[in-house]
Amino acid sequence: MTTVYGATDDAVLVASQDADGQWDADWHHPADRLECLAASPDAPTRVFAGTVDRGLLRSTDGGDSWRTVATVGDRVTAVTVSPHDPDVVWAGTEPSRVFRSDDGGDTWTERPSLTELPSADRWSFPPRPHTHHVQWITVDPEDPDRLAVAVEAGALLRSVDGGETWIDHAEGARRDNHTIAKHPDAPGHIYVAAGDGYAVSPDWGETWHKPQTGLDRRYVWSVAVAPDDPGTVVVSAAPGARAAHDPDGEAGVYRRSGEGEWEVAMEGLPGPEGWGRPVLATDDGEFYALSNHGLYRSADGAAWSRIDHDWPAERERQLPRGLAVVE
């Protein structure tokens, strides 16, 4: 059975597909203001959700009930479950701090020295310029101690020792990073969706390539890599920040294969007018996209179909905050 967890501003969608291909969906309301969401296929009924004012929430029953498990600050802006061990969970906050749990979220320890890096003086989130936050954390599928951390806005940070020490922002890396993707069949590669465009590194962030041809919307929000082909990448993007974060905005989805140009990949999707930026995810065989108009899936990242589920009208006025697919 496939289960998709999707967070909007104030609700979590739990959509499950049975062996006959039929979908059943329910809505849950763990908090009024959600920021992020994560789950692992190795613990499919355990879900984490970061909030604006209630810290990090955890459900152990597939979203039916929730409780606060991390007193790491009110605003939890990023959460990731390690692909190596579902009991290892990473969380990021505003202001920028990184925490690790080794017991599925019961206890947490802060990783040191993040804001002691030289670039920290330049970190600033434009809507709240006095602060900044960890927008994304990715664990390398090859090495459980290798991390990439996006600070919004200002840096992409790396660690090779589980966050004990940090490698500062590399020359040429994007600064307004939103989402980081990895692929087990592309060792060393980091794929980044950022407010200043798309970028990919072949060497764990030391050098960067920025293929933009065909990507006519440059405020890139989410990135996903084809499960069976690390050369095929799908992103969501908008003309700018205002259009991206407006349910009446003008977002698009683009696909790039190999060294080719970006192509619009909107078949079966609403928009681009009247569409806030979607968030993207994959499972072992498909792409998924959560938007303010519903949940969609695609076998190739180019043609999409809407999953049949209840989508209340008030959800159309909200933005997607997180997406996780578990088998």
Protein backbone atom coordinates (compact mmCIF):
# COMPACT_ATOMS: atom_id res chain seq x y z
CA MET A 1 0.00 0.00 0.00
CA THR A 2 1.18 3.52 -0.81
CA THR A 3 0.50 6.32 1.66
CA VAL A 4 1.02 9.99 0.89
CA TYR A 5 1.28 12.57 3.66
CA GLY A 6 0.81 16.16 2.55
CA ALA A 7 0.84 19.30 4.70
CA THR A 8 -0.98 22.51 3.86
CA ASP A 9 -1.05 25.66 6.01
CA ASP A 10 -3.24 24.14 8.72
CA ALA A 11 -3.95 20.50 7.86
CA VAL A 12 -2.34 17.19 6.95
CA LEU A 13 -3.75 15.08 4.12
CA VAL A 14 -3.33 11.31 4.52
CA ALA A 15 -4.07 9.57 1.21
CA SER A 16 -3.68 5.77 0.94
CA GLN A 17 -3.87 3.54 -2.10
CA ASP A 18 -4.87 -0.08 -1.60
CA ALA A 19 -3.82 -3.15 -3.58
CA ASP A 20 -6.67 -2.56 -6.06
CA GLY A 21 -5.45 0.95 -6.83
CA GLN A 22 -8.25 2.76 -5.00
CA TRP A 23 -7.45 5.85 -2.95
CA ASP A 24 -8.87 6.81 0.44
CA ALA A 25 -8.09 10.23 1.91
CA ASP A 26 -8.58 11.90 5.29
CA TRP A 27 -7.72 15.32 6.69
CA HIS A 28 -6.18 15.92 10.10
CA HIS A 29 -5.56 19.20 11.94
CA PRO A 30 -2.53 18.90 14.24
CA ALA A 31 -1.79 22.66 14.32
CA ASP A 32 -2.98 25.97 12.94
CA ARG A 33 0.30 26.84 11.18
CA LEU A 34 2.41 24.08 9.65
CA GLU A 35 5.88 24.56 8.14
CA CYS A 36 7.21 21.15 7.03
CA LEU A 37 6.59 17.41 7.09
CA ALA A 38 8.57 14.16 6.87
CA ALA A 39 8.05 10.40 7.05
CA SER A 40 10.02 7.25 6.25
CA PRO A 41 8.98 4.11 4.36
CA ASP A 42 10.81 2.16 7.09
CA ALA A 43 8.36 3.49 9.70
CA PRO A 44 5.33 4.34 7.55
CA THR A 45 2.88 5.27 10.32
CA ARG A 46 5.27 7.69 12.03
CA VAL A 47 5.03 11.25 10.71
CA PHE A 48 6.73 14.47 11.81
CA ALA A 49 5.38 17.98 11.24
CA GLY A 50 7.13 21.24 12.04
CA THR A 51 4.95 24.13 13.17
CA VAL A 52 5.18 27.88 13.64
CA ASP A 53 4.21 27.93 17.30
CA ARG A 54 4.06 24.35 18.66
CA GLY A 55 7.53 23.01 17.92
CA LEU A 56 7.90 19.62 16.25
CA LEU A 57 4.88 17.31 16.29
CA ARG A 58 4.91 13.54 15.86
CA SER A 59 2.20 11.07 14.98
CA THR A 60 2.78 7.34 15.46
CA ASP A 61 -0.61 6.24 14.13
CA GLY A 62 -0.55 7.54 10.58
CA GLY A 63 -1.75 11.05 11.39
CA ASP A 64 -4.72 10.26 13.63
CA SER A 65 -3.16 11.83 16.72
CA TRP A 66 -0.24 14.18 17.32
CA ARG A 67 1.88 15.48 20.19
CA THR A 68 4.85 17.80 20.57
CA VAL A 69 8.09 15.83 20.86
CA ALA A 70 10.83 18.43 20.42
CA THR A 71 11.32 21.49 22.59
CA VAL A 72 13.81 22.93 20.12
CA GLY A 73 12.05 26.25 19.66
CA ASP A 74 8.56 27.22 18.58
CA ARG A 75 9.25 27.53 14.86
CA VAL A 76 10.46 24.25 13.33
CA THR A 77 11.13 24.90 9.66
CA ALA A 78 12.73 21.65 8.43
CA VAL A 79 12.52 17.97 9.35
CA THR A 80 14.13 14.93 7.71
CA VAL A 81 14.21 11.22 8.53
CA SER A 82 17.51 9.52 7.73
CA PRO A 83 17.31 7.04 4.83
CA HIS A 84 19.73 4.83 6.77
CA ASP A 85 17.77 4.53 10.04
CA PRO A 86 14.17 5.69 10.63
CA ASP A 87 14.98 6.42 14.28
CA VAL A 88 17.49 9.09 13.26
CA VAL A 89 15.59 12.33 12.68
CA TRP A 90 16.96 15.78 11.89
CA ALA A 91 15.17 19.08 12.60
CA GLY A 92 15.97 22.68 11.74
CA THR A 93 14.57 25.84 13.28
CA GLU A 94 14.24 29.60 13.09
CA PRO A 95 16.65 31.10 14.11
CA SER A 96 18.96 28.65 12.34
CA ARG A 97 19.82 25.66 14.51
CA VAL A 98 20.08 21.94 13.70
CA PHE A 99 19.01 19.14 16.05
CA ARG A 100 19.31 15.34 15.90
CA SER A 101 17.29 12.57 17.49
CA ASP A 102 18.52 8.97 17.62
CA ASP A 103 15.36 7.49 19.13
CA GLY A 104 12.59 8.41 16.73
CA GLY A 105 12.00 11.86 18.19
CA ASP A 106 11.90 11.14 21.93
CA THR A 107 15.09 13.06 22.76
CA TRP A 108 17.12 15.65 20.87
CA THR A 109 20.62 17.12 20.85
CA GLU A 110 21.76 20.27 19.07
CA ARG A 111 24.56 20.06 16.51
CA PRO A 112 27.11 22.74 17.43
CA SER A 113 28.67 25.76 15.79
CA LEU A 114 26.24 26.37 12.92
CA THR A 115 26.03 30.14 13.39
CA GLU A 116 29.76 30.46 14.09
CA LEU A 117 30.52 30.06 10.38
CA PRO A 118 31.93 33.15 8.61
CA SER A 119 28.95 33.43 6.26
CA ALA A 120 26.46 33.64 9.15
CA ASP A 121 26.75 37.42 9.30
CA ARG A 122 25.09 37.55 5.86
CA TRP A 123 22.17 35.22 6.62
CA SER A 124 18.83 37.02 6.52
CA PHE A 125 15.28 36.05 5.55
CA PRO A 126 13.76 39.00 3.63
CA PRO A 127 10.23 38.91 5.15
CA ARG A 128 11.84 38.85 8.63
CA PRO A 129 15.30 40.34 7.94
CA HIS A 130 16.33 40.21 11.59
CA THR A 131 16.40 36.40 11.46
CA HIS A 132 16.94 33.35 9.22
CA HIS A 133 16.07 29.67 9.33
CA VAL A 134 16.99 26.18 8.22
CA GLN A 135 14.77 25.56 5.21
CA TRP A 136 15.90 22.01 4.32
CA ILE A 137 18.09 19.15 5.58
CA THR A 138 19.21 16.26 3.37
CA VAL A 139 21.09 13.14 4.46
CA ASP A 140 23.33 11.54 1.85
CA PRO A 141 21.95 8.07 0.91
CA GLU A 142 25.54 6.82 0.73
CA ASP A 143 26.80 8.10 4.07
CA PRO A 144 24.63 8.73 7.17
CA ASP A 145 27.08 11.32 8.50
CA ARG A 146 27.07 13.48 5.37
CA LEU A 147 24.51 16.30 5.47
CA ALA A 148 23.50 19.24 3.31
CA VAL A 149 21.62 22.07 5.01
CA ALA A 150 19.88 25.01 3.34
CA VAL A 151 19.75 28.24 5.31
CA GLU A 152 17.17 30.72 4.05
CA ALA A 153 18.52 33.00 3.04
CA GLY A 154 22.25 32.98 2.74
CA ALA A 155 23.98 29.61 2.56
CA LEU A 156 24.16 25.97 1.67
CA LEU A 157 26.13 24.22 4.41
CA ARG A 158 27.61 20.74 4.50
CA SER A 159 28.89 18.31 7.10
CA VAL A 160 30.77 15.04 6.77
CA ASP A 161 30.69 14.09 10.46
CA GLY A 162 27.02 14.14 11.38
CA GLY A 163 26.91 17.85 12.10
CA GLU A 164 29.79 17.94 14.59
CA THR A 165 31.54 20.39 12.26
CA TRP A 166 30.32 22.35 9.25
CA ILE A 167 31.69 23.29 5.85
CA ASP A 168 30.70 26.85 5.01
CA HIS A 169 28.98 28.10 1.87
CA ALA A 170 31.01 27.29 -1.25
CA GLU A 171 31.76 29.83 -3.95
CA GLY A 172 29.23 29.49 -6.76
CA ALA A 173 26.51 27.82 -4.69
CA ARG A 174 23.00 29.26 -4.59
CA ARG A 175 22.17 31.40 -1.57
CA ASP A 176 18.37 31.39 -1.38
CA ASN A 177 18.07 27.60 -1.14
CA HIS A 178 14.65 26.00 -0.67
CA THR A 179 14.91 22.27 -1.40
CA ILE A 180 17.84 19.86 -1.71
CA ALA A 181 17.57 16.46 -3.41
CA LYS A 182 19.89 13.46 -3.60
CA HIS A 183 19.77 10.24 -5.60
CA PRO A 184 21.35 6.91 -4.59
CA ASP A 185 22.53 6.27 -8.15
CA ALA A 186 24.31 9.64 -8.46
CA PRO A 187 27.11 9.58 -5.86
CA GLY A 188 28.19 13.03 -4.77
CA HIS A 189 25.45 14.86 -6.64
CA ILE A 190 23.35 17.55 -4.94
CA TYR A 191 20.30 19.00 -6.71
CA VAL A 192 19.07 22.39 -5.44
CA ALA A 193 15.92 24.45 -5.96
CA ALA A 194 16.55 28.06 -4.97
CA GLY A 195 15.03 31.49 -5.21
CA ASP A 196 17.94 32.47 -7.42
CA GLY A 197 17.52 29.47 -9.74
CA TYR A 198 18.29 25.77 -10.10
CA ALA A 199 21.75 24.28 -9.52
CA VAL A 200 23.43 20.87 -9.40
CA SER A 201 26.78 19.86 -7.96
CA PRO A 202 28.58 16.65 -9.00
CA ASP A 203 31.08 16.73 -6.11
CA TRP A 204 29.16 17.24 -2.88
CA GLY A 205 28.86 20.99 -3.26
CA GLU A 206 32.41 21.94 -4.14
CA THR A 207 31.54 23.08 -7.69
CA TRP A 208 28.19 23.95 -9.25
CA HIS A 209 26.44 23.90 -12.62
CA LYS A 210 23.43 26.13 -13.25
CA PRO A 211 21.52 24.96 -16.36
CA GLN A 212 18.72 27.47 -16.87
CA THR A 213 17.84 27.31 -20.59
CA GLY A 214 14.09 26.81 -20.93
CA LEU A 215 13.43 27.57 -17.26
CA ASP A 216 11.59 30.84 -17.81
CA ARG A 217 10.46 31.04 -14.18
CA ARG A 218 13.56 31.36 -12.04
CA TYR A 219 12.18 31.37 -8.46
CA VAL A 220 12.56 27.61 -8.01
CA TRP A 221 10.81 26.10 -5.00
CA SER A 222 10.89 22.29 -5.11
CA VAL A 223 13.02 19.65 -6.84
CA ALA A 224 12.62 15.89 -7.34
CA VAL A 225 14.79 13.39 -9.22
CA ALA A 226 13.33 10.48 -11.19
CA PRO A 227 13.62 7.29 -9.13
CA ASP A 228 14.99 5.29 -12.07
CA ASP A 229 17.10 8.00 -13.72
CA PRO A 230 19.23 10.54 -11.80
CA GLY A 231 19.55 12.54 -15.01
CA THR A 232 15.85 13.40 -15.09
CA VAL A 233 14.90 16.27 -12.79
CA VAL A 234 11.55 17.98 -12.15
CA VAL A 235 11.18 21.36 -10.46
CA SER A 236 8.41 23.78 -9.54
CA ALA A 237 9.06 27.46 -10.14
CA ALA A 238 7.40 30.87 -10.24
CA PRO A 239 8.30 34.32 -11.66
CA GLY A 240 9.19 35.56 -8.18
CA ALA A 241 8.61 35.14 -4.47
CA ARG A 242 5.28 36.96 -4.41
CA ALA A 243 3.83 34.82 -7.21
CA ALA A 244 5.20 31.62 -5.65
CA HIS A 245 3.62 32.18 -2.25
CA ASP A 246 0.24 33.38 -3.49
CA PRO A 247 -2.60 30.87 -4.11
CA ASP A 248 -3.51 33.13 -7.02
CA GLY A 249 0.08 33.10 -8.25
CA GLU A 250 1.62 31.81 -11.44
CA ALA A 251 3.70 28.72 -10.76
CA GLY A 252 4.86 26.11 -13.25
CA VAL A 253 6.43 22.65 -13.34
CA TYR A 254 9.46 21.94 -15.53
CA ARG A 255 11.35 18.80 -16.51
CA ARG A 256 14.91 18.32 -17.71
CA SER A 257 16.48 15.09 -18.96
CA GLY A 258 20.20 14.60 -19.37
CA GLU A 259 21.93 17.65 -20.82
CA GLY A 260 18.77 18.88 -22.54
CA GLU A 261 16.87 22.10 -21.98
CA TRP A 262 14.12 22.52 -19.43
CA GLU A 263 10.65 21.85 -20.81
CA VAL A 264 7.26 22.80 -19.41
CA ALA A 265 5.73 19.72 -17.75
CA MET A 266 2.17 20.84 -17.02
CA GLU A 267 0.04 18.24 -18.83
CA GLY A 268 -2.84 17.38 -16.50
CA LEU A 269 -1.98 20.11 -13.99
CA PRO A 270 -3.93 23.32 -13.30
CA GLY A 271 -2.33 26.69 -13.84
CA PRO A 272 0.01 28.28 -14.25
CA GLU A 273 -2.40 31.14 -13.45
CA GLY A 274 -4.17 30.83 -10.10
CA TRP A 275 -1.69 28.26 -8.81
CA GLY A 276 0.73 28.54 -5.91
CA ARG A 277 4.03 26.69 -6.15
CA PRO A 278 3.61 22.93 -5.59
CA VAL A 279 5.91 20.72 -3.53
CA LEU A 280 7.33 17.59 -5.17
CA ALA A 281 8.30 14.12 -3.98
CA THR A 282 8.92 10.64 -5.37
CA ASP A 283 8.50 7.04 -4.32
CA ASP A 284 10.14 4.02 -5.95
CA GLY A 285 8.38 4.56 -9.26
CA GLU A 286 6.49 7.88 -9.56
CA PHE A 287 6.54 11.61 -9.01
CA TYR A 288 3.99 13.32 -6.76
CA ALA A 289 3.00 16.99 -6.63
CA LEU A 290 0.95 18.67 -3.91
CA SER A 291 -0.61 22.02 -4.84
CA ASN A 292 -3.37 24.25 -3.56
CA HIS A 293 -5.70 22.40 -5.97
CA GLY A 294 -4.96 18.82 -4.99
CA LEU A 295 -2.56 15.90 -5.09
CA TYR A 296 -1.19 14.72 -8.45
CA ARG A 297 1.10 11.93 -9.62
CA SER A 298 3.10 11.16 -12.73
CA ALA A 299 5.06 8.21 -14.08
CA ASP A 300 7.48 10.40 -16.02
CA GLY A 301 7.30 13.88 -14.47
CA ALA A 302 5.75 15.28 -17.65
CA ALA A 303 2.11 14.11 -17.74
CA TRP A 304 0.14 14.22 -14.49
CA SER A 305 -3.16 12.89 -13.17
CA ARG A 306 -5.09 14.07 -10.13
CA ILE A 307 -5.62 11.56 -7.36
CA ASP A 308 -9.32 11.24 -6.58
CA HIS A 309 -9.81 12.66 -3.09
CA ASP A 310 -11.75 15.27 -1.15
CA TRP A 311 -10.22 18.74 -1.44
CA PRO A 312 -12.16 21.34 0.59
CA ALA A 313 -12.53 24.79 -0.90
CA GLU A 314 -10.55 26.39 1.92
CA ARG A 315 -7.50 24.32 0.92
CA GLU A 316 -7.42 26.19 -2.41
CA ARG A 317 -6.52 29.32 -0.47
CA GLN A 318 -3.58 27.64 1.25
CA LEU A 319 -0.10 26.64 0.16
CA PRO A 320 1.45 23.17 0.35
CA ARG A 321 4.07 22.91 3.08
CA GLY A 322 5.41 19.38 2.85
CA LEU A 323 5.02 16.03 1.09
CA ALA A 324 6.17 12.50 1.91
CA VAL A 325 5.40 9.22 0.16
CA VAL A 326 5.83 5.87 1.92
CA GLU A 327 5.26 2.32 0.73
